[in-house]
Amino acid sequence: VGSMLVQMATLCGAKPVVAVVGASHKVETCEALGADVVVDKSRGGDWWAEVRAAAPEGFAAVFDANGVATLSDSYEALARTG
């Protein structure tokens, strides 16, 4: 699902396209598919800070395939008109 979303967002001209992955081996794939920023949450730390840094004003759209665990934070990452 995530790799398809990266490709679709890239083809639509979305900027920035930020991919959050749960395993290090997925980073290179996301970069090759067109992600501007790839955040590897398996490294630990505050990965949401990395996501927010990619779009300080917020995102126009957020596609969260993780579900309830991250949905609230995803909404907070939206821009005012997102």
C-alpha atoms as a PDB file:
ATOM      1  CA  VAL A   1       0.000   0.000   0.000  1.00  0.00           C
ATOM      2  CA  GLY A   2       2.729   2.477   0.960  1.00  0.00           C
ATOM      3  CA  SER A   3       4.768   2.003  -2.202  1.00  0.00           C
ATOM      4  CA  MET A   4       1.659   2.608  -4.326  1.00  0.00           C
ATOM      5  CA  LEU A   5       0.857   5.784  -2.362  1.00  0.00           C
ATOM      6  CA  VAL A   6       4.408   7.101  -2.858  1.00  0.00           C
ATOM      7  CA  GLN A   7       4.161   6.529  -6.602  1.00  0.00           C
ATOM      8  CA  MET A   8       0.705   8.099  -6.896  1.00  0.00           C
ATOM      9  CA  ALA A   9       1.668  11.155  -4.844  1.00  0.00           C
ATOM     10  CA  THR A  10       4.823  11.617  -6.918  1.00  0.00           C
ATOM     11  CA  LEU A  11       2.926  11.314 -10.209  1.00  0.00           C
ATOM     12  CA  CYS A  12       0.365  13.872  -8.981  1.00  0.00           C
ATOM     13  CA  GLY A  13       3.139  16.337  -8.176  1.00  0.00           C
ATOM     14  CA  ALA A  14       2.625  16.359  -4.403  1.00  0.00           C
ATOM     15  CA  LYS A  15       5.456  18.025  -2.490  1.00  0.00           C
ATOM     16  CA  PRO A  16       6.957  16.900  -0.289  1.00  0.00           C
ATOM     17  CA  VAL A  17       6.262  13.189  -0.522  1.00  0.00           C
ATOM     18  CA  VAL A  18       7.252  11.781   2.859  1.00  0.00           C
ATOM     19  CA  ALA A  19       7.268   8.039   3.446  1.00  0.00           C
ATOM     20  CA  VAL A  20       7.411   6.536   6.934  1.00  0.00           C
ATOM     21  CA  VAL A  21       8.734   2.989   6.962  1.00  0.00           C
ATOM     22  CA  GLY A  22       8.960   0.431   9.730  1.00  0.00           C
ATOM     23  CA  ALA A  23      12.086  -1.352   8.513  1.00  0.00           C
ATOM     24  CA  SER A  24      15.435  -0.107   7.207  1.00  0.00           C
ATOM     25  CA  HIS A  25      15.338  -2.246   4.060  1.00  0.00           C
ATOM     26  CA  LYS A  26      12.337  -0.241   2.792  1.00  0.00           C
ATOM     27  CA  VAL A  27      14.154   3.120   2.742  1.00  0.00           C
ATOM     28  CA  GLU A  28      15.946   2.614  -0.566  1.00  0.00           C
ATOM     29  CA  THR A  29      12.769   1.385  -2.270  1.00  0.00           C
ATOM     30  CA  CYS A  30      10.793   4.460  -1.209  1.00  0.00           C
ATOM     31  CA  GLU A  31      13.559   6.754  -2.406  1.00  0.00           C
ATOM     32  CA  ALA A  32      13.644   4.966  -5.771  1.00  0.00           C
ATOM     33  CA  LEU A  33       9.862   5.346  -6.094  1.00  0.00           C
ATOM     34  CA  GLY A  34      10.094   9.120  -5.653  1.00  0.00           C
ATOM     35  CA  ALA A  35       9.771   9.910  -1.937  1.00  0.00           C
ATOM     36  CA  ASP A  36      11.431  13.222  -1.093  1.00  0.00           C
ATOM     37  CA  VAL A  37      11.979  12.180   2.519  1.00  0.00           C
ATOM     38  CA  VAL A  38      11.963   8.707   4.052  1.00  0.00           C
ATOM     39  CA  VAL A  39      11.668   8.359   7.829  1.00  0.00           C
ATOM     40  CA  ASP A  40      12.662   4.995   9.289  1.00  0.00           C
ATOM     41  CA  LYS A  41      10.716   4.607  12.528  1.00  0.00           C
ATOM     42  CA  SER A  42      12.528   1.342  13.332  1.00  0.00           C
ATOM     43  CA  ARG A  43      15.526   3.477  14.383  1.00  0.00           C
ATOM     44  CA  GLY A  44      13.504   4.726  17.332  1.00  0.00           C
ATOM     45  CA  GLY A  45      13.458   8.280  18.567  1.00  0.00           C
ATOM     46  CA  ASP A  46      10.938  10.965  17.719  1.00  0.00           C
ATOM     47  CA  TRP A  47      10.188  10.067  14.132  1.00  0.00           C
ATOM     48  CA  TRP A  48       7.197  12.449  14.130  1.00  0.00           C
ATOM     49  CA  ALA A  49       9.675  15.329  14.556  1.00  0.00           C
ATOM     50  CA  GLU A  50      11.385  14.198  11.353  1.00  0.00           C
ATOM     51  CA  VAL A  51       8.033  14.062   9.561  1.00  0.00           C
ATOM     52  CA  ARG A  52       7.023  17.548  10.744  1.00  0.00           C
ATOM     53  CA  ALA A  53      10.426  18.962   9.750  1.00  0.00           C
ATOM     54  CA  ALA A  54       9.748  17.923   6.151  1.00  0.00           C
ATOM     55  CA  ALA A  55       6.661  20.174   6.015  1.00  0.00           C
ATOM     56  CA  PRO A  56       6.743  22.764   8.806  1.00  0.00           C
ATOM     57  CA  GLU A  57       3.469  24.315   7.589  1.00  0.00           C
ATOM     58  CA  GLY A  58       1.789  20.899   7.524  1.00  0.00           C
ATOM     59  CA  PHE A  59       0.775  18.527   4.769  1.00  0.00           C
ATOM     60  CA  ALA A  60      -1.974  18.961   2.195  1.00  0.00           C
ATOM     61  CA  ALA A  61      -2.834  15.259   2.563  1.00  0.00           C
ATOM     62  CA  VAL A  62      -1.854  12.426   4.858  1.00  0.00           C
ATOM     63  CA  PHE A  63      -2.384   8.755   4.049  1.00  0.00           C
ATOM     64  CA  ASP A  64      -1.926   6.726   7.221  1.00  0.00           C
ATOM     65  CA  ALA A  65      -1.938   2.967   6.730  1.00  0.00           C
ATOM     66  CA  ASN A  66      -1.040   2.286  10.382  1.00  0.00           C
ATOM     67  CA  GLY A  67      -4.528   2.884  11.692  1.00  0.00           C
ATOM     68  CA  VAL A  68      -5.706   4.033  15.101  1.00  0.00           C
ATOM     69  CA  ALA A  69      -2.255   4.101  16.733  1.00  0.00           C
ATOM     70  CA  THR A  70      -1.058   7.056  14.637  1.00  0.00           C
ATOM     71  CA  LEU A  71      -4.255   8.561  13.252  1.00  0.00           C
ATOM     72  CA  SER A  72      -4.450  11.423  15.772  1.00  0.00           C
ATOM     73  CA  ASP A  73      -0.860  12.487  15.060  1.00  0.00           C
ATOM     74  CA  SER A  74      -1.546  12.245  11.340  1.00  0.00           C
ATOM     75  CA  TYR A  75      -4.447  14.690  11.639  1.00  0.00           C
ATOM     76  CA  GLU A  76      -2.223  17.074  13.592  1.00  0.00           C
ATOM     77  CA  ALA A  77       0.335  16.953  10.753  1.00  0.00           C
ATOM     78  CA  LEU A  78      -2.174  18.347   8.261  1.00  0.00           C
ATOM     79  CA  ALA A  79      -1.907  21.912   7.092  1.00  0.00           C
ATOM     80  CA  ARG A  80      -4.747  24.225   7.977  1.00  0.00           C
ATOM     81  CA  THR A  81      -6.385  23.624   4.632  1.00  0.00           C
ATOM     82  CA  GLY A  82      -5.266  19.979   4.375  1.00  0.00           C
END
